[in-house]
C-alpha atoms as a PDB file:
ATOM      1  CA  UNK A   1     -48.725 -19.715   9.179  1.00  0.00           C
ATOM      2  CA  UNK A   2     -50.071 -19.037   5.690  1.00  0.00           C
ATOM      3  CA  UNK A   3     -48.452 -16.924   2.967  1.00  0.00           C
ATOM      4  CA  UNK A   4     -49.748 -13.344   2.889  1.00  0.00           C
ATOM      5  CA  UNK A   5     -51.368 -13.906  -0.501  1.00  0.00           C
ATOM      6  CA  UNK A   6     -53.197 -17.090   0.575  1.00  0.00           C
ATOM      7  CA  UNK A   7     -56.936 -17.209  -0.114  1.00  0.00           C
ATOM      8  CA  UNK A   8     -58.893 -17.403   3.147  1.00  0.00           C
ATOM      9  CA  UNK A   9     -62.410 -17.318   1.787  1.00  0.00           C
ATOM     10  CA  UNK A  10     -64.502 -17.448   5.002  1.00  0.00           C
ATOM     11  CA  UNK A  11     -62.541 -14.569   6.527  1.00  0.00           C
ATOM     12  CA  UNK A  12     -62.621 -12.572   3.282  1.00  0.00           C
ATOM     13  CA  UNK A  13     -66.389 -13.022   2.993  1.00  0.00           C
ATOM     14  CA  UNK A  14     -66.878 -11.834   6.587  1.00  0.00           C
ATOM     15  CA  UNK A  15     -64.614  -8.852   5.946  1.00  0.00           C
ATOM     16  CA  UNK A  16     -66.464  -7.906   2.772  1.00  0.00           C
ATOM     17  CA  UNK A  17     -69.774  -8.055   4.664  1.00  0.00           C
ATOM     18  CA  UNK A  18     -68.428  -5.719   7.359  1.00  0.00           C
ATOM     19  CA  UNK A  19     -67.119  -3.292   4.737  1.00  0.00           C
ATOM     20  CA  UNK A  20     -70.463  -3.350   2.926  1.00  0.00           C
ATOM     21  CA  UNK A  21     -72.361  -2.565   6.149  1.00  0.00           C
ATOM     22  CA  UNK A  22     -69.967   0.278   6.995  1.00  0.00           C
ATOM     23  CA  UNK A  23     -70.375   1.758   3.513  1.00  0.00           C
ATOM     24  CA  UNK A  24     -74.165   1.540   3.819  1.00  0.00           C
ATOM     25  CA  UNK A  25     -74.221   3.270   7.212  1.00  0.00           C
ATOM     26  CA  UNK A  26     -71.889   6.013   5.995  1.00  0.00           C
ATOM     27  CA  UNK A  27     -73.882   6.497   2.814  1.00  0.00           C
ATOM     28  CA  UNK A  28     -77.071   6.938   4.844  1.00  0.00           C
ATOM     29  CA  UNK A  29     -75.282   9.697   6.783  1.00  0.00           C
ATOM     30  CA  UNK A  30     -74.079  11.434   3.629  1.00  0.00           C
ATOM     31  CA  UNK A  31     -70.461  10.329   4.005  1.00  0.00           C
ATOM     32  CA  UNK A  32     -68.219   8.484   1.611  1.00  0.00           C
ATOM     33  CA  UNK A  33     -66.050   5.650   2.857  1.00  0.00           C
ATOM     34  CA  UNK A  34     -63.740   3.243   1.099  1.00  0.00           C
ATOM     35  CA  UNK A  35     -63.042  -0.190   2.490  1.00  0.00           C
ATOM     36  CA  UNK A  36     -60.319  -2.653   1.661  1.00  0.00           C
ATOM     37  CA  UNK A  37     -59.202  -5.979   3.065  1.00  0.00           C
ATOM     38  CA  UNK A  38     -55.506  -6.173   3.870  1.00  0.00           C
ATOM     39  CA  UNK A  39     -53.692  -9.368   4.736  1.00  0.00           C
ATOM     40  CA  UNK A  40     -50.803  -8.893   7.132  1.00  0.00           C
ATOM     41  CA  UNK A  41     -48.885 -10.663   9.874  1.00  0.00           C
ATOM     42  CA  UNK A  42     -49.671  -7.993  12.470  1.00  0.00           C
ATOM     43  CA  UNK A  43     -53.035  -6.230  12.215  1.00  0.00           C
ATOM     44  CA  UNK A  44     -52.097  -3.243  14.384  1.00  0.00           C
ATOM     45  CA  UNK A  45     -48.969  -2.471  12.378  1.00  0.00           C
ATOM     46  CA  UNK A  46     -50.864  -2.865   9.090  1.00  0.00           C
ATOM     47  CA  UNK A  47     -53.628  -0.486  10.235  1.00  0.00           C
ATOM     48  CA  UNK A  48     -51.169   2.208  11.344  1.00  0.00           C
ATOM     49  CA  UNK A  49     -48.998   1.853   8.232  1.00  0.00           C
ATOM     50  CA  UNK A  50     -52.006   1.991   5.890  1.00  0.00           C
ATOM     51  CA  UNK A  51     -53.356   5.062   7.706  1.00  0.00           C
ATOM     52  CA  UNK A  52     -50.006   6.807   7.232  1.00  0.00           C
ATOM     53  CA  UNK A  53     -49.770   5.789   3.562  1.00  0.00           C
ATOM     54  CA  UNK A  54     -53.297   7.017   2.824  1.00  0.00           C
ATOM     55  CA  UNK A  55     -52.924  10.135   5.024  1.00  0.00           C
ATOM     56  CA  UNK A  56     -56.206   9.391   6.801  1.00  0.00           C
ATOM     57  CA  UNK A  57     -57.665  11.770   9.360  1.00  0.00           C
ATOM     58  CA  UNK A  58     -59.456   9.162  11.445  1.00  0.00           C
ATOM     59  CA  UNK A  59     -59.342   5.461  12.276  1.00  0.00           C
ATOM     60  CA  UNK A  60     -62.570   3.958  13.612  1.00  0.00           C
ATOM     61  CA  UNK A  61     -62.222   0.607  15.355  1.00  0.00           C
ATOM     62  CA  UNK A  62     -64.625  -1.745  17.050  1.00  0.00           C
ATOM     63  CA  UNK A  63     -63.651  -3.404  20.308  1.00  0.00           C
ATOM     64  CA  UNK A  64     -65.160  -5.659  22.929  1.00  0.00           C
ATOM     65  CA  UNK A  65     -65.501  -4.778  26.583  1.00  0.00           C
ATOM     66  CA  UNK A  66     -62.891  -6.734  28.537  1.00  0.00           C
ATOM     67  CA  UNK A  67     -62.372  -6.534  32.282  1.00  0.00           C
ATOM     68  CA  UNK A  68     -60.595  -9.771  33.171  1.00  0.00           C
ATOM     69  CA  UNK A  69     -58.682  -8.253  36.096  1.00  0.00           C
ATOM     70  CA  UNK A  70     -61.118  -5.560  37.211  1.00  0.00           C
ATOM     71  CA  UNK A  71     -59.824  -2.857  34.847  1.00  0.00           C
ATOM     72  CA  UNK A  72     -60.742  -2.079  31.262  1.00  0.00           C
ATOM     73  CA  UNK A  73     -58.280  -3.758  28.915  1.00  0.00           C
ATOM     74  CA  UNK A  74     -57.878  -3.695  25.158  1.00  0.00           C
ATOM     75  CA  UNK A  75     -56.408  -6.340  22.904  1.00  0.00           C
ATOM     76  CA  UNK A  76     -52.971  -5.897  21.396  1.00  0.00           C
ATOM     77  CA  UNK A  77     -54.315  -4.584  18.053  1.00  0.00           C
ATOM     78  CA  UNK A  78     -56.285  -1.735  19.672  1.00  0.00           C
ATOM     79  CA  UNK A  79     -53.404  -1.011  22.025  1.00  0.00           C
ATOM     80  CA  UNK A  80     -50.914  -0.795  19.137  1.00  0.00           C
ATOM     81  CA  UNK A  81     -53.148   1.494  17.072  1.00  0.00           C
ATOM     82  CA  UNK A  82     -53.904   3.751  20.044  1.00  0.00           C
ATOM     83  CA  UNK A  83     -50.195   4.107  20.833  1.00  0.00           C
ATOM     84  CA  UNK A  84     -48.888   4.524  17.278  1.00  0.00           C
ATOM     85  CA  UNK A  85     -51.525   6.120  15.045  1.00  0.00           C
ATOM     86  CA  UNK A  86     -50.677   9.604  13.796  1.00  0.00           C
ATOM     87  CA  UNK A  87     -54.346  10.550  13.480  1.00  0.00           C
ATOM     88  CA  UNK A  88     -57.435  10.462  15.661  1.00  0.00           C
ATOM     89  CA  UNK A  89     -58.696   7.027  16.703  1.00  0.00           C
ATOM     90  CA  UNK A  90     -62.307   6.365  17.666  1.00  0.00           C
ATOM     91  CA  UNK A  91     -63.165   3.176  19.519  1.00  0.00           C
ATOM     92  CA  UNK A  92     -66.668   1.771  19.273  1.00  0.00           C
ATOM     93  CA  UNK A  93     -67.354  -0.668  22.098  1.00  0.00           C
ATOM     94  CA  UNK A  94     -69.798  -3.489  21.587  1.00  0.00           C
ATOM     95  CA  UNK A  95     -72.662  -3.713  24.061  1.00  0.00           C
ATOM     96  CA  UNK A  96     -71.704  -5.325  27.351  1.00  0.00           C
ATOM     97  CA  UNK A  97     -73.098  -8.830  27.630  1.00  0.00           C
ATOM     98  CA  UNK A  98     -74.642  -9.689  30.967  1.00  0.00           C
END
């Protein structure tokens, strides 16, 4: 409901923390990574469009383990990226909570 350029400080701070952790992990492995926060109406579309614009080779996404109807299901963002990305997509699943 907000304009795309609206300041959403708690979400931006959380995003910056995630980017910082990803950069640290990659640095420890000898890899360079650049992170950026994008504000968009549809996250899946924004991820795919940004990957195309930047000509990336790989999208790495985190996901939760969901089995509400007995089968593994992904949210609509993961589903959109998996169906539309023009590069490889790696999904990292969080640990299953008992």
